[in-house]
PDB file of N, CA and C in Angstrom:
ATOM      1  N   UNK A   1     -59.565  58.728 -14.101  1.00  0.00           N
ATOM      2  CA  UNK A   1     -59.228  57.324 -13.998  1.00  0.00           C
ATOM      3  C   UNK A   1     -60.377  56.605 -13.315  1.00  0.00           C
ATOM      4  N   UNK A   2     -60.652  55.372 -13.752  1.00  0.00           N
ATOM      5  CA  UNK A   2     -61.643  54.517 -13.108  1.00  0.00           C
ATOM      6  C   UNK A   2     -61.060  53.471 -12.275  1.00  0.00           C
ATOM      7  N   UNK A   3     -61.678  53.267 -11.142  1.00  0.00           N
ATOM      8  CA  UNK A   3     -61.201  52.211 -10.221  1.00  0.00           C
ATOM      9  C   UNK A   3     -62.465  51.317  -9.889  1.00  0.00           C
ATOM     10  N   UNK A   4     -62.344  50.044 -10.006  1.00  0.00           N
ATOM     11  CA  UNK A   4     -63.423  49.166  -9.747  1.00  0.00           C
ATOM     12  C   UNK A   4     -63.227  48.393  -8.464  1.00  0.00           C
ATOM     13  N   UNK A   5     -64.247  48.303  -7.644  1.00  0.00           N
ATOM     14  CA  UNK A   5     -64.084  47.767  -6.305  1.00  0.00           C
ATOM     15  C   UNK A   5     -65.364  46.800  -6.161  1.00  0.00           C
ATOM     16  N   UNK A   6     -65.089  45.529  -5.799  1.00  0.00           N
ATOM     17  CA  UNK A   6     -66.159  44.650  -5.572  1.00  0.00           C
ATOM     18  C   UNK A   6     -66.499  44.713  -4.043  1.00  0.00           C
ATOM     19  N   UNK A   7     -67.702  45.164  -3.866  1.00  0.00           N
ATOM     20  CA  UNK A   7     -68.255  45.358  -2.475  1.00  0.00           C
ATOM     21  C   UNK A   7     -68.412  43.994  -1.799  1.00  0.00           C
ATOM     22  N   UNK A   8     -67.947  43.820  -0.529  1.00  0.00           N
ATOM     23  CA  UNK A   8     -68.016  42.579   0.174  1.00  0.00           C
ATOM     24  C   UNK A   8     -68.968  42.750   1.415  1.00  0.00           C
ATOM     25  N   UNK A   9     -69.707  43.712   1.474  1.00  0.00           N
ATOM     26  CA  UNK A   9     -70.575  43.962   2.639  1.00  0.00           C
ATOM     27  C   UNK A   9     -71.801  43.026   2.700  1.00  0.00           C
ATOM     28  N   UNK A  10     -72.270  42.690   1.570  1.00  0.00           N
ATOM     29  CA  UNK A  10     -73.510  41.723   1.500  1.00  0.00           C
ATOM     30  C   UNK A  10     -73.281  40.836   0.347  1.00  0.00           C
ATOM     31  N   UNK A  11     -74.180  39.810   0.277  1.00  0.00           N
ATOM     32  CA  UNK A  11     -74.018  38.823  -0.754  1.00  0.00           C
ATOM     33  C   UNK A  11     -74.227  39.302  -2.243  1.00  0.00           C
ATOM     34  N   UNK A  12     -74.671  40.455  -2.513  1.00  0.00           N
ATOM     35  CA  UNK A  12     -74.857  40.964  -3.880  1.00  0.00           C
ATOM     36  C   UNK A  12     -73.529  41.121  -4.633  1.00  0.00           C
ATOM     37  N   UNK A  13     -72.466  41.443  -3.788  1.00  0.00           N
ATOM     38  CA  UNK A  13     -71.150  41.625  -4.410  1.00  0.00           C
ATOM     39  C   UNK A  13     -71.151  42.647  -5.560  1.00  0.00           C
ATOM     40  N   UNK A  14     -71.676  43.880  -5.347  1.00  0.00           N
ATOM     41  CA  UNK A  14     -71.823  44.871  -6.395  1.00  0.00           C
ATOM     42  C   UNK A  14     -70.414  45.242  -6.911  1.00  0.00           C
ATOM     43  N   UNK A  15     -70.361  45.467  -8.184  1.00  0.00           N
ATOM     44  CA  UNK A  15     -69.036  46.058  -8.672  1.00  0.00           C
ATOM     45  C   UNK A  15     -69.264  47.663  -8.700  1.00  0.00           C
ATOM     46  N   UNK A  16     -68.589  48.306  -7.782  1.00  0.00           N
ATOM     47  CA  UNK A  16     -68.700  49.669  -7.649  1.00  0.00           C
ATOM     48  C   UNK A  16     -67.626  50.354  -8.521  1.00  0.00           C
ATOM     49  N   UNK A  17     -68.034  51.362  -9.275  1.00  0.00           N
ATOM     50  CA  UNK A  17     -67.008  52.009 -10.179  1.00  0.00           C
ATOM     51  C   UNK A  17     -66.791  53.421  -9.529  1.00  0.00           C
ATOM     52  N   UNK A  18     -65.600  53.733  -9.354  1.00  0.00           N
ATOM     53  CA  UNK A  18     -65.219  55.067  -8.787  1.00  0.00           C
ATOM     54  C   UNK A  18     -64.484  55.816  -9.957  1.00  0.00           C
ATOM     55  N   UNK A  19     -64.875  57.039 -10.171  1.00  0.00           N
ATOM     56  CA  UNK A  19     -64.153  57.863 -11.016  1.00  0.00           C
ATOM     57  C   UNK A  19     -63.260  58.753 -10.144  1.00  0.00           C
ATOM     58  N   UNK A  20     -61.939  58.644 -10.294  1.00  0.00           N
ATOM     59  CA  UNK A  20     -60.948  59.231  -9.485  1.00  0.00           C
ATOM     60  C   UNK A  20     -60.292  60.441 -10.126  1.00  0.00           C
ATOM     61  N   UNK A  21     -60.280  61.515  -9.427  1.00  0.00           N
ATOM     62  CA  UNK A  21     -59.642  62.781  -9.948  1.00  0.00           C
ATOM     63  C   UNK A  21     -58.074  62.737  -9.838  1.00  0.00           C
ATOM     64  N   UNK A  22     -57.442  63.669 -10.277  1.00  0.00           N
ATOM     65  CA  UNK A  22     -56.006  63.765 -10.289  1.00  0.00           C
ATOM     66  C   UNK A  22     -55.360  63.868  -8.897  1.00  0.00           C
ATOM     67  N   UNK A  23     -56.085  64.338  -7.902  1.00  0.00           N
ATOM     68  CA  UNK A  23     -55.617  64.358  -6.529  1.00  0.00           C
ATOM     69  C   UNK A  23     -56.046  63.154  -5.733  1.00  0.00           C
ATOM     70  N   UNK A  24     -56.722  62.125  -6.319  1.00  0.00           N
ATOM     71  CA  UNK A  24     -57.097  60.968  -5.650  1.00  0.00           C
ATOM     72  C   UNK A  24     -58.516  61.134  -5.060  1.00  0.00           C
ATOM     73  N   UNK A  25     -59.230  62.196  -5.344  1.00  0.00           N
ATOM     74  CA  UNK A  25     -60.561  62.423  -4.834  1.00  0.00           C
ATOM     75  C   UNK A  25     -61.627  61.656  -5.688  1.00  0.00           C
ATOM     76  N   UNK A  26     -62.662  61.287  -5.063  1.00  0.00           N
ATOM     77  CA  UNK A  26     -63.744  60.574  -5.708  1.00  0.00           C
ATOM     78  C   UNK A  26     -64.689  61.608  -6.411  1.00  0.00           C
ATOM     79  N   UNK A  27     -64.720  61.534  -7.727  1.00  0.00           N
ATOM     80  CA  UNK A  27     -65.466  62.416  -8.552  1.00  0.00           C
ATOM     81  C   UNK A  27     -66.879  61.860  -8.683  1.00  0.00           C
ATOM     82  N   UNK A  28     -67.056  60.564  -8.897  1.00  0.00           N
ATOM     83  CA  UNK A  28     -68.375  59.962  -8.980  1.00  0.00           C
ATOM     84  C   UNK A  28     -68.210  58.472  -8.487  1.00  0.00           C
ATOM     85  N   UNK A  29     -69.371  57.909  -8.128  1.00  0.00           N
ATOM     86  CA  UNK A  29     -69.422  56.576  -7.673  1.00  0.00           C
ATOM     87  C   UNK A  29     -70.724  55.904  -8.060  1.00  0.00           C
ATOM     88  N   UNK A  30     -70.601  54.774  -8.945  1.00  0.00           N
ATOM     89  CA  UNK A  30     -71.800  54.160  -9.374  1.00  0.00           C
ATOM     90  C   UNK A  30     -71.596  52.619  -9.151  1.00  0.00           C
ATOM     91  N   UNK A  31     -72.875  51.926  -9.409  1.00  0.00           N
ATOM     92  CA  UNK A  31     -72.884  50.485  -9.393  1.00  0.00           C
ATOM     93  C   UNK A  31     -73.321  49.896  -8.050  1.00  0.00           C
ATOM     94  N   UNK A  32     -73.272  50.694  -7.058  1.00  0.00           N
ATOM     95  CA  UNK A  32     -73.777  50.114  -5.705  1.00  0.00           C
ATOM     96  C   UNK A  32     -75.238  50.135  -5.706  1.00  0.00           C
ATOM     97  N   UNK A  33     -75.740  49.044  -5.092  1.00  0.00           N
ATOM     98  CA  UNK A  33     -77.299  48.773  -5.114  1.00  0.00           C
ATOM     99  C   UNK A  33     -77.782  49.265  -3.661  1.00  0.00           C
ATOM    100  N   UNK A  34     -76.894  49.653  -2.809  1.00  0.00           N
ATOM    101  CA  UNK A  34     -77.397  50.127  -1.464  1.00  0.00           C
ATOM    102  C   UNK A  34     -76.342  51.092  -0.881  1.00  0.00           C
ATOM    103  N   UNK A  35     -76.739  51.848   0.159  1.00  0.00           N
ATOM    104  CA  UNK A  35     -75.846  52.874   0.711  1.00  0.00           C
ATOM    105  C   UNK A  35     -74.670  52.224   1.351  1.00  0.00           C
ATOM    106  N   UNK A  36     -74.718  51.013   1.840  1.00  0.00           N
ATOM    107  CA  UNK A  36     -73.590  50.327   2.428  1.00  0.00           C
ATOM    108  C   UNK A  36     -72.421  50.168   1.409  1.00  0.00           C
ATOM    109  N   UNK A  37     -72.851  49.900   0.127  1.00  0.00           N
ATOM    110  CA  UNK A  37     -71.911  49.690  -0.888  1.00  0.00           C
ATOM    111  C   UNK A  37     -71.037  50.990  -1.125  1.00  0.00           C
ATOM    112  N   UNK A  38     -71.859  52.155  -1.121  1.00  0.00           N
ATOM    113  CA  UNK A  38     -71.116  53.476  -1.273  1.00  0.00           C
ATOM    114  C   UNK A  38     -70.161  53.709  -0.154  1.00  0.00           C
ATOM    115  N   UNK A  39     -70.615  53.471   1.116  1.00  0.00           N
ATOM    116  CA  UNK A  39     -69.732  53.571   2.187  1.00  0.00           C
ATOM    117  C   UNK A  39     -68.515  52.713   2.095  1.00  0.00           C
ATOM    118  N   UNK A  40     -68.741  51.456   1.813  1.00  0.00           N
ATOM    119  CA  UNK A  40     -67.550  50.534   1.703  1.00  0.00           C
ATOM    120  C   UNK A  40     -66.610  50.946   0.653  1.00  0.00           C
ATOM    121  N   UNK A  41     -67.015  51.243  -0.602  1.00  0.00           N
ATOM    122  CA  UNK A  41     -66.132  51.625  -1.649  1.00  0.00           C
ATOM    123  C   UNK A  41     -65.435  52.884  -1.393  1.00  0.00           C
ATOM    124  N   UNK A  42     -65.982  53.935  -0.667  1.00  0.00           N
ATOM    125  CA  UNK A  42     -65.387  55.096  -0.376  1.00  0.00           C
ATOM    126  C   UNK A  42     -64.268  54.869   0.643  1.00  0.00           C
ATOM    127  N   UNK A  43     -64.587  54.058   1.679  1.00  0.00           N
ATOM    128  CA  UNK A  43     -63.554  53.650   2.728  1.00  0.00           C
ATOM    129  C   UNK A  43     -62.504  52.877   2.024  1.00  0.00           C
ATOM    130  N   UNK A  44     -62.806  51.954   1.212  1.00  0.00           N
ATOM    131  CA  UNK A  44     -61.839  51.020   0.594  1.00  0.00           C
ATOM    132  C   UNK A  44     -60.835  51.886  -0.205  1.00  0.00           C
ATOM    133  N   UNK A  45     -61.288  52.918  -0.850  1.00  0.00           N
ATOM    134  CA  UNK A  45     -60.449  53.815  -1.709  1.00  0.00           C
ATOM    135  C   UNK A  45     -59.650  54.736  -0.733  1.00  0.00           C
ATOM    136  N   UNK A  46     -60.177  55.308   0.376  1.00  0.00           N
ATOM    137  CA  UNK A  46     -59.491  56.325   1.002  1.00  0.00           C
ATOM    138  C   UNK A  46     -58.686  55.762   2.208  1.00  0.00           C
ATOM    139  N   UNK A  47     -59.150  54.705   2.860  1.00  0.00           N
ATOM    140  CA  UNK A  47     -58.440  54.183   4.072  1.00  0.00           C
ATOM    141  C   UNK A  47     -58.808  52.686   4.294  1.00  0.00           C
ATOM    142  N   UNK A  48     -58.339  51.884   3.393  1.00  0.00           N
ATOM    143  CA  UNK A  48     -58.682  50.479   3.555  1.00  0.00           C
ATOM    144  C   UNK A  48     -58.220  49.775   4.898  1.00  0.00           C
ATOM    145  N   UNK A  49     -59.055  48.896   5.391  1.00  0.00           N
ATOM    146  CA  UNK A  49     -58.807  48.190   6.688  1.00  0.00           C
ATOM    147  C   UNK A  49     -59.060  46.743   6.439  1.00  0.00           C
ATOM    148  N   UNK A  50     -58.392  45.933   7.288  1.00  0.00           N
ATOM    149  CA  UNK A  50     -58.656  44.507   7.314  1.00  0.00           C
ATOM    150  C   UNK A  50     -58.529  43.975   8.815  1.00  0.00           C
ATOM    151  N   UNK A  51     -59.262  42.875   9.114  1.00  0.00           N
ATOM    152  CA  UNK A  51     -59.122  42.243  10.370  1.00  0.00           C
ATOM    153  C   UNK A  51     -57.986  41.283  10.174  1.00  0.00           C
ATOM    154  N   UNK A  52     -56.946  41.342  11.111  1.00  0.00           N
ATOM    155  CA  UNK A  52     -55.821  40.322  11.012  1.00  0.00           C
ATOM    156  C   UNK A  52     -56.340  38.943  11.614  1.00  0.00           C
ATOM    157  N   UNK A  53     -56.191  37.978  10.875  1.00  0.00           N
ATOM    158  CA  UNK A  53     -56.321  36.669  11.393  1.00  0.00           C
ATOM    159  C   UNK A  53     -55.051  35.820  11.157  1.00  0.00           C
ATOM    160  N   UNK A  54     -54.587  35.136  12.222  1.00  0.00           N
ATOM    161  CA  UNK A  54     -53.337  34.457  12.088  1.00  0.00           C
ATOM    162  C   UNK A  54     -53.243  33.456  13.265  1.00  0.00           C
ATOM    163  N   UNK A  55     -52.109  32.880  13.451  1.00  0.00           N
ATOM    164  CA  UNK A  55     -51.883  31.956  14.629  1.00  0.00           C
ATOM    165  C   UNK A  55     -50.630  32.485  15.339  1.00  0.00           C
ATOM    166  N   UNK A  56     -50.574  32.064  16.608  1.00  0.00           N
ATOM    167  CA  UNK A  56     -49.309  32.345  17.340  1.00  0.00           C
ATOM    168  C   UNK A  56     -48.960  30.957  18.087  1.00  0.00           C
ATOM    169  N   UNK A  57     -47.738  30.943  18.540  1.00  0.00           N
ATOM    170  CA  UNK A  57     -47.285  29.749  19.258  1.00  0.00           C
ATOM    171  C   UNK A  57     -47.853  29.773  20.608  1.00  0.00           C
ATOM    172  N   UNK A  58     -48.159  28.496  21.154  1.00  0.00           N
ATOM    173  CA  UNK A  58     -48.613  28.496  22.427  1.00  0.00           C
ATOM    174  C   UNK A  58     -47.812  27.408  23.259  1.00  0.00           C
ATOM    175  N   UNK A  59     -47.520  27.811  24.477  1.00  0.00           N
ATOM    176  CA  UNK A  59     -46.686  26.867  25.432  1.00  0.00           C
ATOM    177  C   UNK A  59     -47.592  26.113  26.355  1.00  0.00           C
ATOM    178  N   UNK A  60     -47.398  24.847  26.329  1.00  0.00           N
ATOM    179  CA  UNK A  60     -48.258  24.028  27.140  1.00  0.00           C
ATOM    180  C   UNK A  60     -49.566  23.684  26.703  1.00  0.00           C
ATOM    181  N   UNK A  61     -49.905  23.996  25.469  1.00  0.00           N
ATOM    182  CA  UNK A  61     -51.219  23.764  24.950  1.00  0.00           C
ATOM    183  C   UNK A  61     -51.333  22.428  24.278  1.00  0.00           C
ATOM    184  N   UNK A  62     -52.658  21.946  24.213  1.00  0.00           N
ATOM    185  CA  UNK A  62     -52.901  20.695  23.531  1.00  0.00           C
ATOM    186  C   UNK A  62     -52.625  20.622  22.041  1.00  0.00           C
ATOM    187  N   UNK A  63     -52.461  21.931  21.470  1.00  0.00           N
ATOM    188  CA  UNK A  63     -52.089  22.068  20.014  1.00  0.00           C
ATOM    189  C   UNK A  63     -50.917  23.131  20.134  1.00  0.00           C
ATOM    190  N   UNK A  64     -50.040  23.181  19.098  1.00  0.00           N
ATOM    191  CA  UNK A  64     -48.848  24.051  19.075  1.00  0.00           C
ATOM    192  C   UNK A  64     -49.244  25.367  18.750  1.00  0.00           C
ATOM    193  N   UNK A  65     -50.348  25.650  18.050  1.00  0.00           N
ATOM    194  CA  UNK A  65     -50.753  27.022  17.619  1.00  0.00           C
ATOM    195  C   UNK A  65     -52.108  27.367  18.107  1.00  0.00           C
ATOM    196  N   UNK A  66     -52.195  28.819  18.407  1.00  0.00           N
ATOM    197  CA  UNK A  66     -53.453  29.322  18.872  1.00  0.00           C
ATOM    198  C   UNK A  66     -54.033  30.331  17.765  1.00  0.00           C
ATOM    199  N   UNK A  67     -55.101  30.123  17.257  1.00  0.00           N
ATOM    200  CA  UNK A  67     -55.735  31.108  16.362  1.00  0.00           C
ATOM    201  C   UNK A  67     -56.000  32.418  17.116  1.00  0.00           C
ATOM    202  N   UNK A  68     -55.713  33.479  16.510  1.00  0.00           N
ATOM    203  CA  UNK A  68     -55.922  34.830  17.008  1.00  0.00           C
ATOM    204  C   UNK A  68     -56.360  35.784  15.976  1.00  0.00           C
ATOM    205  N   UNK A  69     -57.014  36.948  16.449  1.00  0.00           N
ATOM    206  CA  UNK A  69     -57.433  37.848  15.349  1.00  0.00           C
ATOM    207  C   UNK A  69     -57.437  39.218  16.140  1.00  0.00           C
ATOM    208  N   UNK A  70     -57.497  40.332  15.402  1.00  0.00           N
ATOM    209  CA  UNK A  70     -57.631  41.632  15.974  1.00  0.00           C
ATOM    210  C   UNK A  70     -59.146  41.805  16.303  1.00  0.00           C
ATOM    211  N   UNK A  71     -59.456  42.466  17.324  1.00  0.00           N
ATOM    212  CA  UNK A  71     -60.900  42.616  17.603  1.00  0.00           C
ATOM    213  C   UNK A  71     -61.602  43.817  16.844  1.00  0.00           C
ATOM    214  N   UNK A  72     -60.796  44.603  16.124  1.00  0.00           N
ATOM    215  CA  UNK A  72     -61.254  45.598  15.206  1.00  0.00           C
ATOM    216  C   UNK A  72     -60.283  45.545  13.969  1.00  0.00           C
ATOM    217  N   UNK A  73     -60.878  46.085  12.859  1.00  0.00           N
ATOM    218  CA  UNK A  73     -59.936  46.117  11.666  1.00  0.00           C
ATOM    219  C   UNK A  73     -58.801  47.055  11.900  1.00  0.00           C
ATOM    220  N   UNK A  74     -57.650  46.781  11.248  1.00  0.00           N
ATOM    221  CA  UNK A  74     -56.458  47.668  11.230  1.00  0.00           C
ATOM    222  C   UNK A  74     -56.148  48.224   9.857  1.00  0.00           C
ATOM    223  N   UNK A  75     -55.369  49.336   9.650  1.00  0.00           N
ATOM    224  CA  UNK A  75     -55.049  49.721   8.466  1.00  0.00           C
ATOM    225  C   UNK A  75     -54.477  48.654   7.525  1.00  0.00           C
ATOM    226  N   UNK A  76     -54.867  48.532   6.313  1.00  0.00           N
ATOM    227  CA  UNK A  76     -54.319  47.595   5.475  1.00  0.00           C
ATOM    228  C   UNK A  76     -52.797  47.584   5.395  1.00  0.00           C
ATOM    229  N   UNK A  77     -52.321  48.827   5.339  1.00  0.00           N
ATOM    230  CA  UNK A  77     -50.869  49.038   5.247  1.00  0.00           C
ATOM    231  C   UNK A  77     -50.056  48.492   6.519  1.00  0.00           C
ATOM    232  N   UNK A  78     -50.706  48.246   7.459  1.00  0.00           N
ATOM    233  CA  UNK A  78     -50.011  47.713   8.710  1.00  0.00           C
ATOM    234  C   UNK A  78     -50.083  46.190   8.788  1.00  0.00           C
ATOM    235  N   UNK A  79     -50.628  45.487   7.918  1.00  0.00           N
ATOM    236  CA  UNK A  79     -50.778  43.951   7.954  1.00  0.00           C
ATOM    237  C   UNK A  79     -49.429  43.323   8.013  1.00  0.00           C
ATOM    238  N   UNK A  80     -48.436  43.686   7.132  1.00  0.00           N
ATOM    239  CA  UNK A  80     -47.185  43.068   7.234  1.00  0.00           C
ATOM    240  C   UNK A  80     -46.491  43.214   8.565  1.00  0.00           C
ATOM    241  N   UNK A  81     -46.440  44.481   9.027  1.00  0.00           N
ATOM    242  CA  UNK A  81     -45.865  44.680  10.334  1.00  0.00           C
ATOM    243  C   UNK A  81     -46.524  43.889  11.474  1.00  0.00           C
ATOM    244  N   UNK A  82     -47.975  43.817  11.351  1.00  0.00           N
ATOM    245  CA  UNK A  82     -48.641  42.940  12.341  1.00  0.00           C
ATOM    246  C   UNK A  82     -48.284  41.555  12.305  1.00  0.00           C
ATOM    247  N   UNK A  83     -48.204  40.935  11.054  1.00  0.00           N
ATOM    248  CA  UNK A  83     -47.739  39.588  10.931  1.00  0.00           C
ATOM    249  C   UNK A  83     -46.433  39.330  11.473  1.00  0.00           C
ATOM    250  N   UNK A  84     -45.454  40.235  11.226  1.00  0.00           N
ATOM    251  CA  UNK A  84     -44.095  40.148  11.727  1.00  0.00           C
ATOM    252  C   UNK A  84     -44.137  40.170  13.338  1.00  0.00           C
ATOM    253  N   UNK A  85     -45.028  41.054  13.817  1.00  0.00           N
ATOM    254  CA  UNK A  85     -45.112  41.143  15.303  1.00  0.00           C
ATOM    255  C   UNK A  85     -45.639  39.933  15.966  1.00  0.00           C
ATOM    256  N   UNK A  86     -46.403  39.095  15.266  1.00  0.00           N
ATOM    257  CA  UNK A  86     -46.931  37.938  15.747  1.00  0.00           C
ATOM    258  C   UNK A  86     -46.029  36.682  15.577  1.00  0.00           C
ATOM    259  N   UNK A  87     -45.011  36.793  14.750  1.00  0.00           N
ATOM    260  CA  UNK A  87     -44.190  35.635  14.423  1.00  0.00           C
ATOM    261  C   UNK A  87     -43.476  34.990  15.556  1.00  0.00           C
ATOM    262  N   UNK A  88     -42.950  35.902  16.575  1.00  0.00           N
ATOM    263  CA  UNK A  88     -42.237  35.367  17.682  1.00  0.00           C
ATOM    264  C   UNK A  88     -43.083  35.423  18.951  1.00  0.00           C
ATOM    265  N   UNK A  89     -44.319  35.655  18.859  1.00  0.00           N
ATOM    266  CA  UNK A  89     -45.243  35.734  20.076  1.00  0.00           C
ATOM    267  C   UNK A  89     -45.508  34.385  20.556  1.00  0.00           C
ATOM    268  N   UNK A  90     -45.341  34.130  21.902  1.00  0.00           N
ATOM    269  CA  UNK A  90     -45.612  32.860  22.441  1.00  0.00           C
ATOM    270  C   UNK A  90     -46.673  33.176  23.644  1.00  0.00           C
ATOM    271  N   UNK A  91     -47.701  32.347  23.761  1.00  0.00           N
ATOM    272  CA  UNK A  91     -48.835  32.554  24.609  1.00  0.00           C
ATOM    273  C   UNK A  91     -48.771  31.258  25.603  1.00  0.00           C
ATOM    274  N   UNK A  92     -49.061  31.451  26.844  1.00  0.00           N
ATOM    275  CA  UNK A  92     -49.090  30.365  27.811  1.00  0.00           C
ATOM    276  C   UNK A  92     -50.535  29.774  27.844  1.00  0.00           C
ATOM    277  N   UNK A  93     -50.643  28.475  27.819  1.00  0.00           N
ATOM    278  CA  UNK A  93     -51.898  27.872  27.905  1.00  0.00           C
ATOM    279  C   UNK A  93     -52.301  27.680  29.535  1.00  0.00           C
ATOM    280  N   UNK A  94     -53.548  27.723  29.781  1.00  0.00           N
ATOM    281  CA  UNK A  94     -54.761  27.656  28.989  1.00  0.00           C
ATOM    282  C   UNK A  94     -55.201  29.012  28.541  1.00  0.00           C
ATOM    283  N   UNK A  95     -55.996  29.070  27.461  1.00  0.00           N
ATOM    284  CA  UNK A  95     -56.530  30.322  26.882  1.00  0.00           C
ATOM    285  C   UNK A  95     -58.015  30.103  26.569  1.00  0.00           C
ATOM    286  N   UNK A  96     -58.796  31.055  26.820  1.00  0.00           N
ATOM    287  CA  UNK A  96     -60.221  31.025  26.528  1.00  0.00           C
ATOM    288  C   UNK A  96     -60.563  32.007  25.271  1.00  0.00           C
ATOM    289  N   UNK A  97     -61.375  31.496  24.483  1.00  0.00           N
ATOM    290  CA  UNK A  97     -61.838  32.394  23.293  1.00  0.00           C
ATOM    291  C   UNK A  97     -62.124  33.771  23.813  1.00  0.00           C
ATOM    292  N   UNK A  98     -61.604  34.798  23.153  1.00  0.00           N
ATOM    293  CA  UNK A  98     -61.974  36.125  23.513  1.00  0.00           C
ATOM    294  C   UNK A  98     -60.882  36.818  24.549  1.00  0.00           C
ATOM    295  N   UNK A  99     -60.028  35.934  25.017  1.00  0.00           N
ATOM    296  CA  UNK A  99     -58.968  36.431  25.924  1.00  0.00           C
ATOM    297  C   UNK A  99     -58.065  37.425  25.163  1.00  0.00           C
ATOM    298  N   UNK A 100     -57.693  38.507  25.753  1.00  0.00           N
ATOM    299  CA  UNK A 100     -56.767  39.427  25.206  1.00  0.00           C
ATOM    300  C   UNK A 100     -55.306  38.877  25.162  1.00  0.00           C
ATOM    301  N   UNK A 101     -54.762  38.639  24.009  1.00  0.00           N
ATOM    302  CA  UNK A 101     -53.407  38.111  23.966  1.00  0.00           C
ATOM    303  C   UNK A 101     -52.410  39.240  23.886  1.00  0.00           C
ATOM    304  N   UNK A 102     -52.719  40.395  23.197  1.00  0.00           N
ATOM    305  CA  UNK A 102     -51.885  41.583  23.313  1.00  0.00           C
ATOM    306  C   UNK A 102     -52.843  42.780  23.345  1.00  0.00           C
ATOM    307  N   UNK A 103     -52.747  43.503  24.356  1.00  0.00           N
ATOM    308  CA  UNK A 103     -53.513  44.734  24.426  1.00  0.00           C
ATOM    309  C   UNK A 103     -52.925  45.857  23.668  1.00  0.00           C
ATOM    310  N   UNK A 104     -53.707  46.743  23.075  1.00  0.00           N
ATOM    311  CA  UNK A 104     -53.307  47.890  22.210  1.00  0.00           C
ATOM    312  C   UNK A 104     -52.157  47.393  21.239  1.00  0.00           C
ATOM    313  N   UNK A 105     -52.493  46.444  20.412  1.00  0.00           N
ATOM    314  CA  UNK A 105     -51.597  45.787  19.506  1.00  0.00           C
ATOM    315  C   UNK A 105     -51.047  46.929  18.566  1.00  0.00           C
ATOM    316  N   UNK A 106     -49.759  46.949  18.480  1.00  0.00           N
ATOM    317  CA  UNK A 106     -49.042  47.920  17.615  1.00  0.00           C
ATOM    318  C   UNK A 106     -49.392  49.379  17.872  1.00  0.00           C
ATOM    319  N   UNK A 107     -49.883  49.584  19.061  1.00  0.00           N
ATOM    320  CA  UNK A 107     -50.293  50.994  19.373  1.00  0.00           C
ATOM    321  C   UNK A 107     -51.437  51.431  18.472  1.00  0.00           C
ATOM    322  N   UNK A 108     -52.273  50.553  17.966  1.00  0.00           N
ATOM    323  CA  UNK A 108     -53.346  50.845  17.044  1.00  0.00           C
ATOM    324  C   UNK A 108     -54.715  50.994  17.728  1.00  0.00           C
ATOM    325  N   UNK A 109     -54.667  50.781  19.097  1.00  0.00           N
ATOM    326  CA  UNK A 109     -55.966  50.855  19.717  1.00  0.00           C
ATOM    327  C   UNK A 109     -56.842  49.663  19.626  1.00  0.00           C
ATOM    328  N   UNK A 110     -56.244  48.544  19.072  1.00  0.00           N
ATOM    329  CA  UNK A 110     -57.043  47.331  18.947  1.00  0.00           C
ATOM    330  C   UNK A 110     -56.341  46.268  19.778  1.00  0.00           C
ATOM    331  N   UNK A 111     -57.098  45.273  20.145  1.00  0.00           N
ATOM    332  CA  UNK A 111     -56.411  44.150  20.843  1.00  0.00           C
ATOM    333  C   UNK A 111     -56.361  42.894  20.037  1.00  0.00           C
ATOM    334  N   UNK A 112     -55.284  42.071  20.225  1.00  0.00           N
ATOM    335  CA  UNK A 112     -55.124  40.782  19.571  1.00  0.00           C
ATOM    336  C   UNK A 112     -55.777  39.801  20.477  1.00  0.00           C
ATOM    337  N   UNK A 113     -56.765  39.159  20.030  1.00  0.00           N
ATOM    338  CA  UNK A 113     -57.481  38.195  20.940  1.00  0.00           C
ATOM    339  C   UNK A 113     -57.524  36.776  20.441  1.00  0.00           C
ATOM    340  N   UNK A 114     -57.664  35.786  21.373  1.00  0.00           N
ATOM    341  CA  UNK A 114     -57.807  34.393  21.043  1.00  0.00           C
ATOM    342  C   UNK A 114     -59.074  34.087  20.249  1.00  0.00           C
ATOM    343  N   UNK A 115     -59.018  33.307  19.284  1.00  0.00           N
ATOM    344  CA  UNK A 115     -60.176  32.892  18.509  1.00  0.00           C
ATOM    345  C   UNK A 115     -60.878  31.609  18.987  1.00  0.00           C
ATOM    346  N   UNK A 116     -60.206  30.916  19.892  1.00  0.00           N
ATOM    347  CA  UNK A 116     -60.771  29.676  20.361  1.00  0.00           C
ATOM    348  C   UNK A 116     -60.244  29.339  21.792  1.00  0.00           C
ATOM    349  N   UNK A 117     -60.924  28.470  22.447  1.00  0.00           N
ATOM    350  CA  UNK A 117     -60.413  27.911  23.724  1.00  0.00           C
ATOM    351  C   UNK A 117     -59.238  26.995  23.406  1.00  0.00           C
ATOM    352  N   UNK A 118     -58.217  26.971  24.308  1.00  0.00           N
ATOM    353  CA  UNK A 118     -57.034  25.958  24.140  1.00  0.00           C
ATOM    354  C   UNK A 118     -56.677  25.530  25.593  1.00  0.00           C
ATOM    355  N   UNK A 119     -56.884  24.290  25.843  1.00  0.00           N
ATOM    356  CA  UNK A 119     -56.586  23.804  27.168  1.00  0.00           C
ATOM    357  C   UNK A 119     -55.072  23.460  27.330  1.00  0.00           C
ATOM    358  N   UNK A 120     -54.677  23.381  28.548  1.00  0.00           N
ATOM    359  CA  UNK A 120     -53.313  23.046  28.881  1.00  0.00           C
ATOM    360  C   UNK A 120     -53.156  21.492  28.822  1.00  0.00           C
ATOM    361  N   UNK A 121     -52.009  21.123  28.391  1.00  0.00           N
ATOM    362  CA  UNK A 121     -51.672  19.682  28.460  1.00  0.00           C
ATOM    363  C   UNK A 121     -51.413  19.268  29.816  1.00  0.00           C
ATOM    364  N   UNK A 122     -52.047  18.234  30.327  1.00  0.00           N
ATOM    365  CA  UNK A 122     -51.843  17.732  31.639  1.00  0.00           C
ATOM    366  C   UNK A 122     -50.928  16.570  31.755  1.00  0.00           C
TER     367      UNK A 122
END
């Protein structure tokens, strides 16, 4: 079976083609123009990860929502659970960019952090 993955590591956007065996193992990998493409495609096939970016409610802020993100990528399969976990989250203003909103988010060893400063309404 062939699997095509567009590499997003650099602007070249190489189309990497993986030949996949019956047990899901990579038999061959072609199309990458650099070693980073090989690493990306291998990881994307075996254990894809994404950085979660979303918003949470903020109490007392100049805006009603605070943009947040994980400080490291999380398993792609956990994105839905992560979004549901942030749906009812409320943060107290003021907040500074980089402040930890939730430590060890979903017990994944990553933090949910603020993506911008947000002052308190006076």
